Protein backbone atom coordinates (compact mmCIF):
# COMPACT_ATOMS: atom_id res chain seq x y z
CA UNK A 1 0.00 -0.13 0.04
CA UNK A 2 2.89 2.44 0.77
CA UNK A 3 4.52 1.51 -2.62
CA UNK A 4 1.34 2.30 -4.57
CA UNK A 5 1.00 5.84 -2.66
CA UNK A 6 4.45 6.70 -3.29
CA UNK A 7 4.06 6.11 -6.93
CA UNK A 8 0.73 8.12 -7.00
CA UNK A 9 2.63 10.76 -5.26
CA UNK A 10 5.54 10.71 -7.64
CA UNK A 11 3.13 10.90 -10.78
CA UNK A 12 1.16 13.76 -9.24
CA UNK A 13 4.41 15.57 -8.72
CA UNK A 14 5.87 15.02 -12.18
CA UNK A 15 2.48 15.98 -13.63
CA UNK A 16 2.22 19.30 -11.69
CA UNK A 17 5.91 20.22 -12.79
CA UNK A 18 5.86 19.30 -16.37
CA UNK A 19 2.30 21.19 -16.83
CA UNK A 20 3.18 24.35 -15.21
CA UNK A 21 4.57 26.73 -17.92
CA UNK A 22 5.17 30.29 -17.67
CA UNK A 23 3.37 32.54 -20.16
CA UNK A 24 3.04 36.13 -21.06
CA UNK A 25 -0.13 37.69 -20.91
CA UNK A 26 -0.79 41.06 -22.55
CA UNK A 27 -3.73 43.04 -20.96
CA UNK A 28 -5.53 45.80 -23.04
CA UNK A 29 -7.71 48.02 -21.02
CA UNK A 30 -11.32 48.14 -21.56
CA UNK A 31 -13.77 51.20 -22.04
CA UNK A 32 -13.45 53.92 -19.48
CA UNK A 33 -10.19 52.74 -17.94
CA UNK A 34 -7.87 55.38 -16.90
CA UNK A 35 -3.99 54.72 -17.52
CA UNK A 36 -1.19 57.08 -16.77
CA UNK A 37 0.97 56.02 -19.71
CA UNK A 38 0.47 54.85 -23.54
CA UNK A 39 3.14 53.14 -25.28
CA UNK A 40 4.18 55.15 -28.37
CA UNK A 41 0.65 56.45 -29.27
CA UNK A 42 -0.34 57.81 -32.63
CA UNK A 43 -2.35 61.03 -32.39
CA UNK A 44 -5.21 61.64 -34.53
CA UNK A 45 -7.33 64.74 -34.56
CA UNK A 46 -11.17 64.13 -35.65
CA UNK A 47 -13.57 66.71 -35.35
CA UNK A 48 -11.31 68.99 -33.17
CA UNK A 49 -10.76 66.07 -30.60
CA UNK A 50 -7.31 64.64 -30.29
CA UNK A 51 -7.43 60.71 -29.97
CA UNK A 52 -4.45 58.78 -29.13
CA UNK A 53 -4.04 55.04 -30.56
CA UNK A 54 -2.10 52.31 -29.24
CA UNK A 55 -1.98 48.67 -30.05
CA UNK A 56 -5.36 49.09 -31.39
CA UNK A 57 -6.76 50.93 -28.30
CA UNK A 58 -8.02 54.32 -28.69
CA UNK A 59 -7.65 57.00 -25.80
CA UNK A 60 -8.62 60.62 -24.92
CA UNK A 61 -6.14 62.66 -22.76
CA UNK A 62 -7.71 64.02 -19.60
CA UNK A 63 -5.54 65.58 -16.60
CA UNK A 64 -2.42 64.00 -17.72
CA UNK A 65 -4.15 60.65 -18.04
CA UNK A 66 -5.36 58.51 -20.80
CA UNK A 67 -9.09 57.22 -20.76
CA UNK A 68 -10.03 54.40 -23.11
CA UNK A 69 -12.84 55.26 -25.37
CA UNK A 70 -14.77 53.63 -28.40
CA UNK A 71 -13.18 54.29 -31.74
CA UNK A 72 -14.92 57.20 -33.33
CA UNK A 73 -16.81 56.14 -36.45
CA UNK A 74 -15.65 58.02 -39.67
CA UNK A 75 -12.06 58.40 -38.61
CA UNK A 76 -9.42 57.59 -41.09
CA UNK A 77 -6.29 55.83 -40.34
CA UNK A 78 -3.31 55.00 -42.41
CA UNK A 79 -2.35 51.64 -40.85
CA UNK A 80 -4.40 48.76 -39.33
CA UNK A 81 -3.21 47.50 -35.79
CA UNK A 82 -1.38 44.15 -35.63
CA UNK A 83 -3.60 41.20 -35.34
CA UNK A 84 -6.53 42.34 -37.22
CA UNK A 85 -8.85 39.84 -39.16
CA UNK A 86 -10.59 40.20 -42.47
CA UNK A 87 -14.26 39.43 -42.08
CA UNK A 88 -17.24 39.53 -44.56
CA UNK A 89 -20.69 41.19 -43.17
CA UNK A 90 -23.35 40.93 -45.72
CA UNK A 91 -20.86 40.41 -48.44
CA UNK A 92 -18.86 43.35 -47.55
CA UNK A 93 -15.11 42.97 -46.64
CA UNK A 94 -14.15 44.89 -43.32
CA UNK A 95 -11.04 44.58 -41.24
CA UNK A 96 -11.84 43.89 -37.71
CA UNK A 97 -9.70 44.26 -34.55
CA UNK A 98 -10.80 43.92 -30.88
CA UNK A 99 -14.45 44.84 -32.01
CA UNK A 100 -13.59 47.96 -34.11
CA UNK A 101 -14.31 47.57 -37.86
CA UNK A 102 -12.30 49.13 -40.38
CA UNK A 103 -13.17 49.64 -44.14
CA UNK A 104 -10.79 50.14 -46.70
CA UNK A 105 -10.90 53.54 -48.84
CA UNK A 106 -8.23 54.06 -51.20
CA UNK A 107 -4.85 53.86 -49.09
CA UNK A 108 -6.66 54.46 -45.74
CA UNK A 109 -8.90 52.74 -43.36
CA UNK A 110 -12.22 54.36 -41.97
CA UNK A 111 -13.59 53.25 -38.68
CA UNK A 112 -17.20 52.03 -39.39
CA UNK A 113 -20.20 51.06 -37.25
CA UNK A 114 -21.33 47.44 -38.42
């Protein structure tokens, strides 16, 4: 009986050691979250409002801090964020990233509501 218990304990220990892996998780803020720093933001002025875009997340600056907001529909951007997906909605091709839909217009992309 003691031998079986030792074998089971050894198997559980080995399984625990081999299955624990270190992973990197990138956390993106949701809407209306306040952050103090934004990594290399691109500034986009749309309807006299300065938007800051970094990693596909949109911000507005308030009192030295950045507040996450929804992407403004109608704004034009030159590049899409990394990791976007091509999707078709009712036969129309869009580029989607984190719930924001972009439609190609010439050499730029327009944020649209779908």
